[in-house]
Amino acid sequence: MHGVEPAGPGTVEVIVRCGRRTVLGARLTGIRGREADVDLRVERILMYQREVPFLDPVCSGKVLLYGTGGAALAEGDVLIGSNRPDGHGSIGDREAG
């Protein structure tokens, strides 16, 4: 993450550069390299000030996250999670973020 801004109750906007494809609805449940209680869902993705349904690897954008743990986020963090909807995960599911 390159920037983190609170955006209201339970929401945070982050400037990101994606290491893997990240889609609307992706669930982010951890921060690589440290313990944190994070359960965030991707609610909106902006790329060049336009809403898009996903960000591909190496693309940058502004992402609105909703849920718990947003206050724990800091510049330089790498979020981990899944692009799959709840109940559709699998062993070896790839990281989102």
Foldseek 3Di string as FASTA:
>chain_A
DADWAADDVQKIKDKDAKQAKAFAQWWWQDWPPDDFGDTKGFHFWAAPNDTDGIDGHRGITITMIGDPGSVVDDGPIDTWGANDHPPPDDVPGHTTD
